[in-house]
C-alpha atoms as a PDB file:
ATOM      1  CA  UNK A   1     199.776  91.282 152.677  1.00  0.00           C
ATOM      2  CA  UNK A   2     203.616  91.252 152.870  1.00  0.00           C
ATOM      3  CA  UNK A   3     203.420  91.151 156.548  1.00  0.00           C
ATOM      4  CA  UNK A   4     202.122  87.791 156.596  1.00  0.00           C
ATOM      5  CA  UNK A   5     204.562  85.262 155.002  1.00  0.00           C
ATOM      6  CA  UNK A   6     201.961  82.312 154.866  1.00  0.00           C
ATOM      7  CA  UNK A   7     199.260  84.525 153.048  1.00  0.00           C
ATOM      8  CA  UNK A   8     201.753  85.771 150.697  1.00  0.00           C
ATOM      9  CA  UNK A   9     203.010  82.585 149.955  1.00  0.00           C
ATOM     10  CA  UNK A  10     199.491  81.317 149.176  1.00  0.00           C
ATOM     11  CA  UNK A  11     198.712  84.304 147.220  1.00  0.00           C
ATOM     12  CA  UNK A  12     201.773  83.471 144.965  1.00  0.00           C
ATOM     13  CA  UNK A  13     201.085  79.726 144.795  1.00  0.00           C
ATOM     14  CA  UNK A  14     197.420  80.390 143.707  1.00  0.00           C
ATOM     15  CA  UNK A  15     198.883  82.865 141.076  1.00  0.00           C
ATOM     16  CA  UNK A  16     201.547  80.035 139.860  1.00  0.00           C
ATOM     17  CA  UNK A  17     198.638  77.496 139.799  1.00  0.00           C
ATOM     18  CA  UNK A  18     197.887  75.948 136.374  1.00  0.00           C
ATOM     19  CA  UNK A  19     194.541  78.230 136.515  1.00  0.00           C
ATOM     20  CA  UNK A  20     196.335  81.089 136.319  1.00  0.00           C
ATOM     21  CA  UNK A  21     199.652  80.342 134.574  1.00  0.00           C
ATOM     22  CA  UNK A  22     198.961  78.707 131.317  1.00  0.00           C
ATOM     23  CA  UNK A  23     202.327  78.964 129.622  1.00  0.00           C
ATOM     24  CA  UNK A  24     203.675  82.202 131.700  1.00  0.00           C
ATOM     25  CA  UNK A  25     206.310  82.953 133.676  1.00  0.00           C
ATOM     26  CA  UNK A  26     206.024  82.244 137.691  1.00  0.00           C
ATOM     27  CA  UNK A  27     205.525  85.400 139.739  1.00  0.00           C
ATOM     28  CA  UNK A  28     207.874  85.801 142.834  1.00  0.00           C
ATOM     29  CA  UNK A  29     206.278  88.839 144.330  1.00  0.00           C
ATOM     30  CA  UNK A  30     202.653  89.487 145.860  1.00  0.00           C
ATOM     31  CA  UNK A  31     202.480  92.546 143.881  1.00  0.00           C
ATOM     32  CA  UNK A  32     202.744  90.506 140.764  1.00  0.00           C
ATOM     33  CA  UNK A  33     200.564  87.502 141.990  1.00  0.00           C
ATOM     34  CA  UNK A  34     197.814  90.200 142.612  1.00  0.00           C
ATOM     35  CA  UNK A  35     197.883  91.595 139.382  1.00  0.00           C
ATOM     36  CA  UNK A  36     197.718  88.133 137.855  1.00  0.00           C
ATOM     37  CA  UNK A  37     194.838  86.480 139.892  1.00  0.00           C
ATOM     38  CA  UNK A  38     192.898  90.141 140.541  1.00  0.00           C
ATOM     39  CA  UNK A  39     192.227  91.906 143.885  1.00  0.00           C
ATOM     40  CA  UNK A  40     188.971  90.066 144.140  1.00  0.00           C
ATOM     41  CA  UNK A  41     190.676  86.794 144.237  1.00  0.00           C
ATOM     42  CA  UNK A  42     193.254  87.924 146.554  1.00  0.00           C
ATOM     43  CA  UNK A  43     190.721  89.482 148.967  1.00  0.00           C
ATOM     44  CA  UNK A  44     188.998  85.871 148.759  1.00  0.00           C
ATOM     45  CA  UNK A  45     191.992  84.033 150.002  1.00  0.00           C
ATOM     46  CA  UNK A  46     192.562  86.616 152.889  1.00  0.00           C
ATOM     47  CA  UNK A  47     189.235  86.004 154.041  1.00  0.00           C
ATOM     48  CA  UNK A  48     189.763  82.287 153.973  1.00  0.00           C
ATOM     49  CA  UNK A  49     192.854  82.662 156.260  1.00  0.00           C
ATOM     50  CA  UNK A  50     191.009  85.095 158.392  1.00  0.00           C
ATOM     51  CA  UNK A  51     188.050  82.828 158.828  1.00  0.00           C
ATOM     52  CA  UNK A  52     189.961  79.448 159.164  1.00  0.00           C
ATOM     53  CA  UNK A  53     191.398  81.015 162.211  1.00  0.00           C
ATOM     54  CA  UNK A  54     187.810  81.030 164.005  1.00  0.00           C
ATOM     55  CA  UNK A  55     187.513  77.435 163.477  1.00  0.00           C
ATOM     56  CA  UNK A  56     189.996  76.083 166.044  1.00  0.00           C
ATOM     57  CA  UNK A  57     188.168  73.282 167.837  1.00  0.00           C
ATOM     58  CA  UNK A  58     189.313  70.709 170.367  1.00  0.00           C
ATOM     59  CA  UNK A  59     190.438  67.359 168.780  1.00  0.00           C
ATOM     60  CA  UNK A  60     186.907  65.643 169.226  1.00  0.00           C
ATOM     61  CA  UNK A  61     185.433  68.231 167.112  1.00  0.00           C
ATOM     62  CA  UNK A  62     188.193  68.041 164.255  1.00  0.00           C
ATOM     63  CA  UNK A  63     185.559  66.176 161.920  1.00  0.00           C
ATOM     64  CA  UNK A  64     182.920  68.629 162.231  1.00  0.00           C
ATOM     65  CA  UNK A  65     185.063  71.720 161.919  1.00  0.00           C
ATOM     66  CA  UNK A  66     186.764  69.872 158.376  1.00  0.00           C
ATOM     67  CA  UNK A  67     183.158  69.516 157.301  1.00  0.00           C
ATOM     68  CA  UNK A  68     182.218  72.845 157.995  1.00  0.00           C
ATOM     69  CA  UNK A  69     185.506  74.358 156.472  1.00  0.00           C
ATOM     70  CA  UNK A  70     184.861  72.038 153.181  1.00  0.00           C
ATOM     71  CA  UNK A  71     181.416  73.290 152.846  1.00  0.00           C
ATOM     72  CA  UNK A  72     182.618  76.803 153.308  1.00  0.00           C
ATOM     73  CA  UNK A  73     185.173  76.439 150.540  1.00  0.00           C
ATOM     74  CA  UNK A  74     182.573  74.808 148.018  1.00  0.00           C
END
């Protein structure tokens, strides 16, 4: 995860979100972030990144892709 800066930033961002950080200090490392959110949540974030790359459509299909991505998230 440290090899992909955007993925690392997402994991750290989630760990510092209000859901995982009520009254605790911010984390700045991926290791601390994964410790806080858990390996399952970190894996789900990594899978989201991997799957998002599969849904690159021409501009005319952007609305369909956005709807499919939103459905996948929910």
